[in-house]
């Protein structure tokens, strides 16, 4: 039976084949979700509102329509979110979007101010 050497690594570099390491095997440590936070934002009907700030360690984000009366438009920056542009979060209570994007998310609700909630998971 041949023995296999396995080591854990946090490095992004691939293992290199060499005389000392003819069959490189590495188990990459995954970054577990160690932080979570939730909140709510009132999204304006006249100016773009920051819903969630940029987070370089974000692993997941859920944004949910709480008020559920008018559509909310979402986009990665305040300049590109207007009535009818961006990603539509329908004006239905409980409508949600799940994303892994790590940048800021802005919203506008042209029909009338809306409340959205968010759940954000991050690496430590």
PDB file of N, CA and C in Angstrom:
ATOM      1  N   UNK A   1       0.848  -1.167   0.000  1.00  0.00           N
ATOM      2  CA  UNK A   1       0.000   0.000   0.000  1.00  0.00           C
ATOM      3  C   UNK A   1       0.897   1.234   0.000  1.00  0.00           C
ATOM      4  N   UNK A   2       0.554   2.213  -0.833  1.00  0.00           N
ATOM      5  CA  UNK A   2       1.324   3.447  -0.919  1.00  0.00           C
ATOM      6  C   UNK A   2       0.751   4.474   0.044  1.00  0.00           C
ATOM      7  N   UNK A   3       1.627   5.153   0.744  1.00  0.00           N
ATOM      8  CA  UNK A   3       1.214   6.192   1.683  1.00  0.00           C
ATOM      9  C   UNK A   3       1.063   7.512   0.950  1.00  0.00           C
ATOM     10  N   UNK A   4       0.006   8.246   1.239  1.00  0.00           N
ATOM     11  CA  UNK A   4      -0.230   9.548   0.611  1.00  0.00           C
ATOM     12  C   UNK A   4      -0.057  10.624   1.667  1.00  0.00           C
ATOM     13  N   UNK A   5       0.752  11.588   1.346  1.00  0.00           N
ATOM     14  CA  UNK A   5       0.983  12.706   2.255  1.00  0.00           C
ATOM     15  C   UNK A   5      -0.013  13.818   1.905  1.00  0.00           C
ATOM     16  N   UNK A   6      -0.713  14.278   2.904  1.00  0.00           N
ATOM     17  CA  UNK A   6      -1.693  15.344   2.707  1.00  0.00           C
ATOM     18  C   UNK A   6      -1.391  16.440   3.710  1.00  0.00           C
ATOM     19  N   UNK A   7      -1.441  17.675   3.264  1.00  0.00           N
ATOM     20  CA  UNK A   7      -1.250  18.799   4.175  1.00  0.00           C
ATOM     21  C   UNK A   7      -2.327  19.837   3.910  1.00  0.00           C
ATOM     22  N   UNK A   8      -2.673  20.584   4.941  1.00  0.00           N
ATOM     23  CA  UNK A   8      -3.636  21.669   4.784  1.00  0.00           C
ATOM     24  C   UNK A   8      -2.896  22.920   4.365  1.00  0.00           C
ATOM     25  N   UNK A   9      -3.578  23.753   3.573  1.00  0.00           N
ATOM     26  CA  UNK A   9      -2.953  24.994   3.134  1.00  0.00           C
ATOM     27  C   UNK A   9      -4.002  26.088   3.012  1.00  0.00           C
ATOM     28  N   UNK A  10      -3.572  27.313   3.241  1.00  0.00           N
ATOM     29  CA  UNK A  10      -4.414  28.475   3.007  1.00  0.00           C
ATOM     30  C   UNK A  10      -3.952  29.206   1.750  1.00  0.00           C
ATOM     31  N   UNK A  11      -2.910  28.696   1.131  1.00  0.00           N
ATOM     32  CA  UNK A  11      -2.303  29.363  -0.014  1.00  0.00           C
ATOM     33  C   UNK A  11      -3.164  29.181  -1.258  1.00  0.00           C
ATOM     34  N   UNK A  12      -3.090  30.163  -2.142  1.00  0.00           N
ATOM     35  CA  UNK A  12      -3.791  30.062  -3.415  1.00  0.00           C
ATOM     36  C   UNK A  12      -2.924  29.426  -4.492  1.00  0.00           C
ATOM     37  N   UNK A  13      -1.610  29.344  -4.224  1.00  0.00           N
ATOM     38  CA  UNK A  13      -0.691  28.797  -5.213  1.00  0.00           C
ATOM     39  C   UNK A  13      -0.890  27.286  -5.338  1.00  0.00           C
ATOM     40  N   UNK A  14      -0.822  26.756  -6.558  1.00  0.00           N
ATOM     41  CA  UNK A  14      -0.980  25.316  -6.730  1.00  0.00           C
ATOM     42  C   UNK A  14       0.242  24.577  -6.193  1.00  0.00           C
ATOM     43  N   UNK A  15       0.065  23.323  -5.833  1.00  0.00           N
ATOM     44  CA  UNK A  15       1.167  22.484  -5.409  1.00  0.00           C
ATOM     45  C   UNK A  15       2.052  22.198  -6.615  1.00  0.00           C
ATOM     46  N   UNK A  16       3.359  22.081  -6.382  1.00  0.00           N
ATOM     47  CA  UNK A  16       4.312  21.852  -7.464  1.00  0.00           C
ATOM     48  C   UNK A  16       4.831  20.424  -7.363  1.00  0.00           C
ATOM     49  N   UNK A  17       4.899  19.735  -8.513  1.00  0.00           N
ATOM     50  CA  UNK A  17       5.464  18.397  -8.563  1.00  0.00           C
ATOM     51  C   UNK A  17       6.983  18.529  -8.515  1.00  0.00           C
ATOM     52  N   UNK A  18       7.622  17.739  -7.658  1.00  0.00           N
ATOM     53  CA  UNK A  18       9.078  17.728  -7.558  1.00  0.00           C
ATOM     54  C   UNK A  18       9.520  16.343  -7.118  1.00  0.00           C
ATOM     55  N   UNK A  19      10.828  16.128  -7.036  1.00  0.00           N
ATOM     56  CA  UNK A  19      11.326  14.834  -6.563  1.00  0.00           C
ATOM     57  C   UNK A  19      10.869  14.574  -5.137  1.00  0.00           C
ATOM     58  N   UNK A  20      10.875  15.610  -4.321  1.00  0.00           N
ATOM     59  CA  UNK A  20      10.465  15.463  -2.932  1.00  0.00           C
ATOM     60  C   UNK A  20       8.941  15.401  -2.778  1.00  0.00           C
ATOM     61  N   UNK A  21       8.225  15.853  -3.792  1.00  0.00           N
ATOM     62  CA  UNK A  21       6.765  15.917  -3.726  1.00  0.00           C
ATOM     63  C   UNK A  21       6.193  15.452  -5.074  1.00  0.00           C
ATOM     64  N   UNK A  22       6.359  14.124  -5.397  1.00  0.00           N
ATOM     65  CA  UNK A  22       5.966  13.656  -6.734  1.00  0.00           C
ATOM     66  C   UNK A  22       4.456  13.635  -6.990  1.00  0.00           C
ATOM     67  N   UNK A  23       3.658  13.528  -5.940  1.00  0.00           N
ATOM     68  CA  UNK A  23       2.213  13.499  -6.081  1.00  0.00           C
ATOM     69  C   UNK A  23       1.607  14.507  -5.111  1.00  0.00           C
ATOM     70  N   UNK A  24       1.661  15.771  -5.457  1.00  0.00           N
ATOM     71  CA  UNK A  24       1.192  16.786  -4.506  1.00  0.00           C
ATOM     72  C   UNK A  24      -0.313  16.744  -4.302  1.00  0.00           C
ATOM     73  N   UNK A  25      -0.701  16.733  -3.052  1.00  0.00           N
ATOM     74  CA  UNK A  25      -2.107  16.790  -2.684  1.00  0.00           C
ATOM     75  C   UNK A  25      -2.223  17.790  -1.551  1.00  0.00           C
ATOM     76  N   UNK A  26      -3.141  18.707  -1.674  1.00  0.00           N
ATOM     77  CA  UNK A  26      -3.348  19.679  -0.601  1.00  0.00           C
ATOM     78  C   UNK A  26      -4.842  19.848  -0.389  1.00  0.00           C
ATOM     79  N   UNK A  27      -5.235  19.908   0.837  1.00  0.00           N
ATOM     80  CA  UNK A  27      -6.622  20.211   1.179  1.00  0.00           C
ATOM     81  C   UNK A  27      -6.686  21.686   1.520  1.00  0.00           C
ATOM     82  N   UNK A  28      -7.431  22.413   0.757  1.00  0.00           N
ATOM     83  CA  UNK A  28      -7.557  23.838   1.020  1.00  0.00           C
ATOM     84  C   UNK A  28      -8.608  24.043   2.098  1.00  0.00           C
ATOM     85  N   UNK A  29      -8.262  24.848   3.069  1.00  0.00           N
ATOM     86  CA  UNK A  29      -9.205  25.161   4.134  1.00  0.00           C
ATOM     87  C   UNK A  29     -10.282  26.077   3.568  1.00  0.00           C
ATOM     88  N   UNK A  30     -11.507  25.737   3.801  1.00  0.00           N
ATOM     89  CA  UNK A  30     -12.570  26.657   3.399  1.00  0.00           C
ATOM     90  C   UNK A  30     -12.727  27.695   4.502  1.00  0.00           C
ATOM     91  N   UNK A  31     -13.200  28.836   4.126  1.00  0.00           N
ATOM     92  CA  UNK A  31     -13.429  29.884   5.104  1.00  0.00           C
ATOM     93  C   UNK A  31     -14.874  29.789   5.573  1.00  0.00           C
ATOM     94  N   UNK A  32     -15.060  29.265   6.760  1.00  0.00           N
ATOM     95  CA  UNK A  32     -16.435  29.109   7.233  1.00  0.00           C
ATOM     96  C   UNK A  32     -17.085  30.455   7.509  1.00  0.00           C
ATOM     97  N   UNK A  33     -18.386  30.438   7.445  1.00  0.00           N
ATOM     98  CA  UNK A  33     -19.140  31.635   7.781  1.00  0.00           C
ATOM     99  C   UNK A  33     -19.041  31.806   9.285  1.00  0.00           C
ATOM    100  N   UNK A  34     -18.448  32.900   9.695  1.00  0.00           N
ATOM    101  CA  UNK A  34     -18.253  33.103  11.126  1.00  0.00           C
ATOM    102  C   UNK A  34     -18.954  34.350  11.634  1.00  0.00           C
ATOM    103  N   UNK A  35     -19.493  35.123  10.724  1.00  0.00           N
ATOM    104  CA  UNK A  35     -20.202  36.327  11.137  1.00  0.00           C
ATOM    105  C   UNK A  35     -21.493  36.443  10.341  1.00  0.00           C
ATOM    106  N   UNK A  36     -22.520  36.892  11.001  1.00  0.00           N
ATOM    107  CA  UNK A  36     -23.785  37.157  10.319  1.00  0.00           C
ATOM    108  C   UNK A  36     -24.389  38.404  10.943  1.00  0.00           C
ATOM    109  N   UNK A  37     -25.071  39.167  10.126  1.00  0.00           N
ATOM    110  CA  UNK A  37     -25.771  40.337  10.646  1.00  0.00           C
ATOM    111  C   UNK A  37     -27.034  40.540   9.839  1.00  0.00           C
ATOM    112  N   UNK A  38     -27.999  41.149  10.484  1.00  0.00           N
ATOM    113  CA  UNK A  38     -29.275  41.427   9.841  1.00  0.00           C
ATOM    114  C   UNK A  38     -29.650  42.873  10.114  1.00  0.00           C
ATOM    115  N   UNK A  39     -30.472  43.425   9.249  1.00  0.00           N
ATOM    116  CA  UNK A  39     -30.925  44.789   9.456  1.00  0.00           C
ATOM    117  C   UNK A  39     -32.030  45.148   8.486  1.00  0.00           C
ATOM    118  N   UNK A  40     -32.483  46.370   8.605  1.00  0.00           N
ATOM    119  CA  UNK A  40     -33.507  46.888   7.701  1.00  0.00           C
ATOM    120  C   UNK A  40     -33.103  48.275   7.231  1.00  0.00           C
ATOM    121  N   UNK A  41     -33.559  48.630   6.038  1.00  0.00           N
ATOM    122  CA  UNK A  41     -33.324  49.954   5.488  1.00  0.00           C
ATOM    123  C   UNK A  41     -34.624  50.460   4.882  1.00  0.00           C
ATOM    124  N   UNK A  42     -34.843  51.746   5.038  1.00  0.00           N
ATOM    125  CA  UNK A  42     -35.947  52.400   4.350  1.00  0.00           C
ATOM    126  C   UNK A  42     -35.387  52.909   3.031  1.00  0.00           C
ATOM    127  N   UNK A  43     -35.907  52.409   1.934  1.00  0.00           N
ATOM    128  CA  UNK A  43     -35.434  52.785   0.598  1.00  0.00           C
ATOM    129  C   UNK A  43     -36.274  53.949   0.099  1.00  0.00           C
ATOM    130  N   UNK A  44     -35.601  55.027  -0.253  1.00  0.00           N
ATOM    131  CA  UNK A  44     -36.259  56.261  -0.684  1.00  0.00           C
ATOM    132  C   UNK A  44     -36.932  56.104  -2.048  1.00  0.00           C
ATOM    133  N   UNK A  45     -37.928  56.924  -2.278  1.00  0.00           N
ATOM    134  CA  UNK A  45     -38.571  56.945  -3.592  1.00  0.00           C
ATOM    135  C   UNK A  45     -38.022  58.068  -4.465  1.00  0.00           C
ATOM    136  N   UNK A  46     -37.098  58.883  -3.933  1.00  0.00           N
ATOM    137  CA  UNK A  46     -36.581  60.014  -4.712  1.00  0.00           C
ATOM    138  C   UNK A  46     -35.081  59.950  -4.964  1.00  0.00           C
ATOM    139  N   UNK A  47     -34.318  59.385  -4.053  1.00  0.00           N
ATOM    140  CA  UNK A  47     -32.864  59.305  -4.235  1.00  0.00           C
ATOM    141  C   UNK A  47     -32.379  57.898  -3.904  1.00  0.00           C
ATOM    142  N   UNK A  48     -31.306  57.445  -4.566  1.00  0.00           N
ATOM    143  CA  UNK A  48     -30.773  56.117  -4.273  1.00  0.00           C
ATOM    144  C   UNK A  48     -30.362  55.997  -2.796  1.00  0.00           C
ATOM    145  N   UNK A  49     -30.650  54.860  -2.204  1.00  0.00           N
ATOM    146  CA  UNK A  49     -30.360  54.582  -0.803  1.00  0.00           C
ATOM    147  C   UNK A  49     -29.362  53.441  -0.713  1.00  0.00           C
ATOM    148  N   UNK A  50     -28.342  53.600   0.132  1.00  0.00           N
ATOM    149  CA  UNK A  50     -27.411  52.510   0.390  1.00  0.00           C
ATOM    150  C   UNK A  50     -28.140  51.456   1.217  1.00  0.00           C
ATOM    151  N   UNK A  51     -28.323  50.276   0.644  1.00  0.00           N
ATOM    152  CA  UNK A  51     -29.001  49.190   1.344  1.00  0.00           C
ATOM    153  C   UNK A  51     -27.988  48.412   2.181  1.00  0.00           C
ATOM    154  N   UNK A  52     -26.863  48.039   1.562  1.00  0.00           N
ATOM    155  CA  UNK A  52     -25.796  47.312   2.248  1.00  0.00           C
ATOM    156  C   UNK A  52     -24.463  47.818   1.719  1.00  0.00           C
ATOM    157  N   UNK A  53     -23.539  48.125   2.630  1.00  0.00           N
ATOM    158  CA  UNK A  53     -22.211  48.618   2.244  1.00  0.00           C
ATOM    159  C   UNK A  53     -21.343  47.487   1.698  1.00  0.00           C
ATOM    160  N   UNK A  54     -20.299  47.870   0.992  1.00  0.00           N
ATOM    161  CA  UNK A  54     -19.330  46.909   0.482  1.00  0.00           C
ATOM    162  C   UNK A  54     -18.741  46.103   1.636  1.00  0.00           C
ATOM    163  N   UNK A  55     -18.488  44.815   1.380  1.00  0.00           N
ATOM    164  CA  UNK A  55     -17.879  43.948   2.379  1.00  0.00           C
ATOM    165  C   UNK A  55     -17.036  42.913   1.636  1.00  0.00           C
ATOM    166  N   UNK A  56     -15.719  43.076   1.673  1.00  0.00           N
ATOM    167  CA  UNK A  56     -14.811  42.196   0.935  1.00  0.00           C
ATOM    168  C   UNK A  56     -14.856  40.755   1.430  1.00  0.00           C
ATOM    169  N   UNK A  57     -15.365  40.534   2.618  1.00  0.00           N
ATOM    170  CA  UNK A  57     -15.414  39.179   3.175  1.00  0.00           C
ATOM    171  C   UNK A  57     -16.810  38.556   3.116  1.00  0.00           C
ATOM    172  N   UNK A  58     -17.712  39.203   2.410  1.00  0.00           N
ATOM    173  CA  UNK A  58     -19.095  38.702   2.291  1.00  0.00           C
ATOM    174  C   UNK A  58     -19.118  37.365   1.553  1.00  0.00           C
ATOM    175  N   UNK A  59     -19.871  36.430   2.081  1.00  0.00           N
ATOM    176  CA  UNK A  59     -20.058  35.136   1.428  1.00  0.00           C
ATOM    177  C   UNK A  59     -21.496  34.955   0.936  1.00  0.00           C
ATOM    178  N   UNK A  60     -22.394  35.746   1.453  1.00  0.00           N
ATOM    179  CA  UNK A  60     -23.777  35.644   1.009  1.00  0.00           C
ATOM    180  C   UNK A  60     -24.595  36.819   1.502  1.00  0.00           C
ATOM    181  N   UNK A  61     -25.599  37.180   0.739  1.00  0.00           N
ATOM    182  CA  UNK A  61     -26.456  38.310   1.078  1.00  0.00           C
ATOM    183  C   UNK A  61     -27.868  38.028   0.579  1.00  0.00           C
ATOM    184  N   UNK A  62     -28.835  38.221   1.456  1.00  0.00           N
ATOM    185  CA  UNK A  62     -30.246  38.117   1.076  1.00  0.00           C
ATOM    186  C   UNK A  62     -30.897  39.470   1.351  1.00  0.00           C
ATOM    187  N   UNK A  63     -31.585  40.007   0.369  1.00  0.00           N
ATOM    188  CA  UNK A  63     -32.341  41.249   0.538  1.00  0.00           C
ATOM    189  C   UNK A  63     -33.809  40.898   0.293  1.00  0.00           C
ATOM    190  N   UNK A  64     -34.664  41.294   1.236  1.00  0.00           N
ATOM    191  CA  UNK A  64     -36.079  40.921   1.189  1.00  0.00           C
ATOM    192  C   UNK A  64     -36.968  42.145   1.309  1.00  0.00           C
ATOM    193  N   UNK A  65     -38.000  42.181   0.505  1.00  0.00           N
ATOM    194  CA  UNK A  65     -39.008  43.250   0.546  1.00  0.00           C
ATOM    195  C   UNK A  65     -39.877  43.052   1.786  1.00  0.00           C
ATOM    196  N   UNK A  66     -39.924  44.059   2.657  1.00  0.00           N
ATOM    197  CA  UNK A  66     -40.699  43.969   3.894  1.00  0.00           C
ATOM    198  C   UNK A  66     -42.055  44.652   3.732  1.00  0.00           C
ATOM    199  N   UNK A  67     -42.040  45.873   3.201  1.00  0.00           N
ATOM    200  CA  UNK A  67     -43.276  46.630   3.061  1.00  0.00           C
ATOM    201  C   UNK A  67     -44.195  45.971   2.044  1.00  0.00           C
ATOM    202  N   UNK A  68     -43.630  45.608   0.898  1.00  0.00           N
ATOM    203  CA  UNK A  68     -44.385  44.866  -0.098  1.00  0.00           C
ATOM    204  C   UNK A  68     -45.476  45.626  -0.813  1.00  0.00           C
ATOM    205  N   UNK A  69     -45.281  46.917  -1.027  1.00  0.00           N
ATOM    206  CA  UNK A  69     -46.289  47.712  -1.717  1.00  0.00           C
ATOM    207  C   UNK A  69     -45.821  48.127  -3.108  1.00  0.00           C
ATOM    208  N   UNK A  70     -44.578  48.618  -3.209  1.00  0.00           N
ATOM    209  CA  UNK A  70     -44.029  49.102  -4.477  1.00  0.00           C
ATOM    210  C   UNK A  70     -42.729  48.376  -4.812  1.00  0.00           C
ATOM    211  N   UNK A  71     -42.401  48.347  -6.112  1.00  0.00           N
ATOM    212  CA  UNK A  71     -41.155  47.734  -6.569  1.00  0.00           C
ATOM    213  C   UNK A  71     -39.944  48.491  -6.029  1.00  0.00           C
ATOM    214  N   UNK A  72     -38.865  47.745  -5.795  1.00  0.00           N
ATOM    215  CA  UNK A  72     -37.569  48.329  -5.427  1.00  0.00           C
ATOM    216  C   UNK A  72     -36.576  47.898  -6.498  1.00  0.00           C
ATOM    217  N   UNK A  73     -35.801  48.868  -6.984  1.00  0.00           N
ATOM    218  CA  UNK A  73     -34.772  48.589  -7.976  1.00  0.00           C
ATOM    219  C   UNK A  73     -33.425  48.611  -7.272  1.00  0.00           C
ATOM    220  N   UNK A  74     -32.588  47.588  -7.518  1.00  0.00           N
ATOM    221  CA  UNK A  74     -31.288  47.441  -6.862  1.00  0.00           C
ATOM    222  C   UNK A  74     -30.175  47.505  -7.895  1.00  0.00           C
ATOM    223  N   UNK A  75     -29.045  48.091  -7.499  1.00  0.00           N
ATOM    224  CA  UNK A  75     -27.892  48.182  -8.392  1.00  0.00           C
ATOM    225  C   UNK A  75     -26.619  48.343  -7.560  1.00  0.00           C
ATOM    226  N   UNK A  76     -25.451  48.102  -8.187  1.00  0.00           N
ATOM    227  CA  UNK A  76     -24.196  48.172  -7.447  1.00  0.00           C
ATOM    228  C   UNK A  76     -23.668  49.579  -7.171  1.00  0.00           C
ATOM    229  N   UNK A  77     -24.297  50.594  -7.714  1.00  0.00           N
ATOM    230  CA  UNK A  77     -23.870  51.957  -7.387  1.00  0.00           C
ATOM    231  C   UNK A  77     -25.051  52.910  -7.503  1.00  0.00           C
ATOM    232  N   UNK A  78     -24.950  54.027  -6.815  1.00  0.00           N
ATOM    233  CA  UNK A  78     -26.088  54.943  -6.768  1.00  0.00           C
ATOM    234  C   UNK A  78     -26.371  55.614  -8.101  1.00  0.00           C
ATOM    235  N   UNK A  79     -25.371  55.708  -8.969  1.00  0.00           N
ATOM    236  CA  UNK A  79     -25.574  56.371 -10.257  1.00  0.00           C
ATOM    237  C   UNK A  79     -26.374  55.505 -11.235  1.00  0.00           C
ATOM    238  N   UNK A  80     -26.306  54.181 -11.066  1.00  0.00           N
ATOM    239  CA  UNK A  80     -26.965  53.317 -12.051  1.00  0.00           C
ATOM    240  C   UNK A  80     -28.330  52.804 -11.606  1.00  0.00           C
ATOM    241  N   UNK A  81     -28.774  53.170 -10.420  1.00  0.00           N
ATOM    242  CA  UNK A  81     -30.084  52.705  -9.982  1.00  0.00           C
ATOM    243  C   UNK A  81     -31.102  53.835 -10.132  1.00  0.00           C
ATOM    244  N   UNK A  82     -32.058  53.590 -11.001  1.00  0.00           N
ATOM    245  CA  UNK A  82     -33.148  54.545 -11.230  1.00  0.00           C
ATOM    246  C   UNK A  82     -34.424  53.737 -11.415  1.00  0.00           C
ATOM    247  N   UNK A  83     -35.520  54.424 -11.520  1.00  0.00           N
ATOM    248  CA  UNK A  83     -36.789  53.743 -11.782  1.00  0.00           C
ATOM    249  C   UNK A  83     -36.671  52.975 -13.091  1.00  0.00           C
ATOM    250  N   UNK A  84     -36.786  51.682 -13.038  1.00  0.00           N
ATOM    251  CA  UNK A  84     -36.749  50.867 -14.239  1.00  0.00           C
ATOM    252  C   UNK A  84     -35.384  50.360 -14.632  1.00  0.00           C
ATOM    253  N   UNK A  85     -34.329  50.691 -13.900  1.00  0.00           N
ATOM    254  CA  UNK A  85     -33.007  50.142 -14.210  1.00  0.00           C
ATOM    255  C   UNK A  85     -32.457  49.444 -12.980  1.00  0.00           C
ATOM    256  N   UNK A  86     -31.565  48.510 -13.192  1.00  0.00           N
ATOM    257  CA  UNK A  86     -31.019  47.717 -12.106  1.00  0.00           C
ATOM    258  C   UNK A  86     -31.763  46.392 -12.038  1.00  0.00           C
ATOM    259  N   UNK A  87     -31.742  45.795 -10.868  1.00  0.00           N
ATOM    260  CA  UNK A  87     -32.419  44.516 -10.669  1.00  0.00           C
ATOM    261  C   UNK A  87     -33.734  44.761  -9.929  1.00  0.00           C
ATOM    262  N   UNK A  88     -34.800  44.206 -10.450  1.00  0.00           N
ATOM    263  CA  UNK A  88     -36.125  44.411  -9.875  1.00  0.00           C
ATOM    264  C   UNK A  88     -36.372  43.481  -8.696  1.00  0.00           C
ATOM    265  N   UNK A  89     -36.717  44.069  -7.558  1.00  0.00           N
ATOM    266  CA  UNK A  89     -37.235  43.344  -6.405  1.00  0.00           C
ATOM    267  C   UNK A  89     -38.707  43.723  -6.350  1.00  0.00           C
ATOM    268  N   UNK A  90     -39.565  42.796  -6.724  1.00  0.00           N
ATOM    269  CA  UNK A  90     -40.986  43.129  -6.897  1.00  0.00           C
ATOM    270  C   UNK A  90     -41.633  43.607  -5.604  1.00  0.00           C
ATOM    271  N   UNK A  91     -42.627  44.440  -5.744  1.00  0.00           N
ATOM    272  CA  UNK A  91     -43.348  45.012  -4.612  1.00  0.00           C
ATOM    273  C   UNK A  91     -44.294  44.027  -3.966  1.00  0.00           C
ATOM    274  N   UNK A  92     -43.758  42.886  -3.592  1.00  0.00           N
ATOM    275  CA  UNK A  92     -44.531  41.840  -2.937  1.00  0.00           C
ATOM    276  C   UNK A  92     -43.858  41.524  -1.613  1.00  0.00           C
ATOM    277  N   UNK A  93     -44.600  41.581  -0.543  1.00  0.00           N
ATOM    278  CA  UNK A  93     -44.030  41.285   0.764  1.00  0.00           C
ATOM    279  C   UNK A  93     -43.377  39.908   0.734  1.00  0.00           C
ATOM    280  N   UNK A  94     -42.100  39.850   1.133  1.00  0.00           N
ATOM    281  CA  UNK A  94     -41.366  38.585   1.149  1.00  0.00           C
ATOM    282  C   UNK A  94     -40.557  38.302  -0.101  1.00  0.00           C
ATOM    283  N   UNK A  95     -40.701  39.115  -1.154  1.00  0.00           N
ATOM    284  CA  UNK A  95     -39.886  38.914  -2.355  1.00  0.00           C
ATOM    285  C   UNK A  95     -38.416  39.083  -1.971  1.00  0.00           C
ATOM    286  N   UNK A  96     -37.549  38.194  -2.455  1.00  0.00           N
ATOM    287  CA  UNK A  96     -36.150  38.208  -2.043  1.00  0.00           C
ATOM    288  C   UNK A  96     -35.208  38.026  -3.214  1.00  0.00           C
ATOM    289  N   UNK A  97     -33.968  38.430  -3.001  1.00  0.00           N
ATOM    290  CA  UNK A  97     -32.868  38.155  -3.917  1.00  0.00           C
ATOM    291  C   UNK A  97     -31.710  37.673  -3.052  1.00  0.00           C
ATOM    292  N   UNK A  98     -31.025  36.636  -3.514  1.00  0.00           N
ATOM    293  CA  UNK A  98     -29.844  36.112  -2.842  1.00  0.00           C
ATOM    294  C   UNK A  98     -28.659  36.315  -3.770  1.00  0.00           C
ATOM    295  N   UNK A  99     -27.608  36.961  -3.255  1.00  0.00           N
ATOM    296  CA  UNK A  99     -26.435  37.239  -4.085  1.00  0.00           C
ATOM    297  C   UNK A  99     -25.153  37.004  -3.284  1.00  0.00           C
ATOM    298  N   UNK A 100     -24.049  36.831  -4.005  1.00  0.00           N
ATOM    299  CA  UNK A 100     -22.741  36.700  -3.368  1.00  0.00           C
ATOM    300  C   UNK A 100     -21.842  37.883  -3.707  1.00  0.00           C
ATOM    301  N   UNK A 101     -22.377  38.847  -4.408  1.00  0.00           N
ATOM    302  CA  UNK A 101     -21.653  40.068  -4.762  1.00  0.00           C
ATOM    303  C   UNK A 101     -21.140  40.742  -3.490  1.00  0.00           C
ATOM    304  N   UNK A 102     -19.896  41.226  -3.512  1.00  0.00           N
ATOM    305  CA  UNK A 102     -19.272  41.789  -2.311  1.00  0.00           C
ATOM    306  C   UNK A 102     -19.291  43.314  -2.251  1.00  0.00           C
ATOM    307  N   UNK A 103     -19.731  43.950  -3.309  1.00  0.00           N
ATOM    308  CA  UNK A 103     -19.757  45.407  -3.336  1.00  0.00           C
ATOM    309  C   UNK A 103     -21.006  45.972  -2.674  1.00  0.00           C
ATOM    310  N   UNK A 104     -21.093  47.289  -2.682  1.00  0.00           N
ATOM    311  CA  UNK A 104     -22.255  47.981  -2.113  1.00  0.00           C
ATOM    312  C   UNK A 104     -23.489  47.714  -2.970  1.00  0.00           C
ATOM    313  N   UNK A 105     -24.652  47.754  -2.337  1.00  0.00           N
ATOM    314  CA  UNK A 105     -25.924  47.595  -3.047  1.00  0.00           C
ATOM    315  C   UNK A 105     -26.794  48.797  -2.702  1.00  0.00           C
ATOM    316  N   UNK A 106     -27.272  49.479  -3.758  1.00  0.00           N
ATOM    317  CA  UNK A 106     -28.140  50.639  -3.599  1.00  0.00           C
ATOM    318  C   UNK A 106     -29.533  50.302  -4.106  1.00  0.00           C
ATOM    319  N   UNK A 107     -30.512  51.014  -3.604  1.00  0.00           N
ATOM    320  CA  UNK A 107     -31.877  50.786  -4.058  1.00  0.00           C
ATOM    321  C   UNK A 107     -32.659  52.074  -4.172  1.00  0.00           C
ATOM    322  N   UNK A 108     -33.714  52.024  -4.971  1.00  0.00           N
ATOM    323  CA  UNK A 108     -34.660  53.124  -5.089  1.00  0.00           C
ATOM    324  C   UNK A 108     -36.041  52.511  -5.312  1.00  0.00           C
ATOM    325  N   UNK A 109     -37.048  53.133  -4.734  1.00  0.00           N
ATOM    326  CA  UNK A 109     -38.424  52.630  -4.845  1.00  0.00           C
ATOM    327  C   UNK A 109     -39.297  53.760  -5.381  1.00  0.00           C
ATOM    328  N   UNK A 110     -39.340  53.934  -6.705  1.00  0.00           N
ATOM    329  CA  UNK A 110     -40.013  55.096  -7.290  1.00  0.00           C
ATOM    330  C   UNK A 110     -41.499  55.230  -6.957  1.00  0.00           C
ATOM    331  N   UNK A 111     -42.178  54.133  -6.652  1.00  0.00           N
ATOM    332  CA  UNK A 111     -43.611  54.216  -6.353  1.00  0.00           C
ATOM    333  C   UNK A 111     -43.904  54.749  -4.962  1.00  0.00           C
ATOM    334  N   UNK A 112     -42.930  54.685  -4.069  1.00  0.00           N
ATOM    335  CA  UNK A 112     -43.099  55.120  -2.685  1.00  0.00           C
ATOM    336  C   UNK A 112     -42.075  54.426  -1.812  1.00  0.00           C
ATOM    337  N   UNK A 113     -41.626  55.094  -0.787  1.00  0.00           N
ATOM    338  CA  UNK A 113     -40.591  54.534   0.087  1.00  0.00           C
ATOM    339  C   UNK A 113     -40.980  53.137   0.564  1.00  0.00           C
ATOM    340  N   UNK A 114     -39.993  52.243   0.594  1.00  0.00           N
ATOM    341  CA  UNK A 114     -40.206  50.852   0.988  1.00  0.00           C
ATOM    342  C   UNK A 114     -39.174  50.436   2.026  1.00  0.00           C
ATOM    343  N   UNK A 115     -39.518  49.485   2.866  1.00  0.00           N
ATOM    344  CA  UNK A 115     -38.562  48.916   3.808  1.00  0.00           C
ATOM    345  C   UNK A 115     -38.115  47.571   3.276  1.00  0.00           C
ATOM    346  N   UNK A 116     -36.783  47.374   3.266  1.00  0.00           N
ATOM    347  CA  UNK A 116     -36.219  46.077   2.913  1.00  0.00           C
ATOM    348  C   UNK A 116     -35.398  45.596   4.101  1.00  0.00           C
ATOM    349  N   UNK A 117     -35.301  44.284   4.244  1.00  0.00           N
ATOM    350  CA  UNK A 117     -34.431  43.710   5.266  1.00  0.00           C
ATOM    351  C   UNK A 117     -33.275  43.028   4.550  1.00  0.00           C
ATOM    352  N   UNK A 118     -32.182  42.806   5.290  1.00  0.00           N
ATOM    353  CA  UNK A 118     -31.060  42.078   4.715  1.00  0.00           C
ATOM    354  C   UNK A 118     -30.493  41.115   5.739  1.00  0.00           C
ATOM    355  N   UNK A 119     -29.910  40.046   5.239  1.00  0.00           N
ATOM    356  CA  UNK A 119     -29.157  39.062   6.018  1.00  0.00           C
ATOM    357  C   UNK A 119     -27.841  38.902   5.305  1.00  0.00           C
ATOM    358  N   UNK A 120     -26.743  39.208   5.997  1.00  0.00           N
ATOM    359  CA  UNK A 120     -25.411  39.167   5.387  1.00  0.00           C
ATOM    360  C   UNK A 120     -24.525  38.199   6.162  1.00  0.00           C
ATOM    361  N   UNK A 121     -23.859  37.294   5.450  1.00  0.00           N
ATOM    362  CA  UNK A 121     -22.916  36.366   6.040  1.00  0.00           C
ATOM    363  C   UNK A 121     -21.516  36.691   5.531  1.00  0.00           C
ATOM    364  N   UNK A 122     -20.538  36.595   6.438  1.00  0.00           N
ATOM    365  CA  UNK A 122     -19.162  36.963   6.101  1.00  0.00           C
ATOM    366  C   UNK A 122     -18.170  36.013   6.736  1.00  0.00           C
ATOM    367  N   UNK A 123     -16.978  35.978   6.136  1.00  0.00           N
ATOM    368  CA  UNK A 123     -15.850  35.275   6.724  1.00  0.00           C
ATOM    369  C   UNK A 123     -15.284  36.168   7.816  1.00  0.00           C
ATOM    370  N   UNK A 124     -14.561  35.573   8.745  1.00  0.00           N
ATOM    371  CA  UNK A 124     -13.940  36.407   9.780  1.00  0.00           C
ATOM    372  C   UNK A 124     -12.641  36.996   9.283  1.00  0.00           C
TER     373      UNK A 124
END
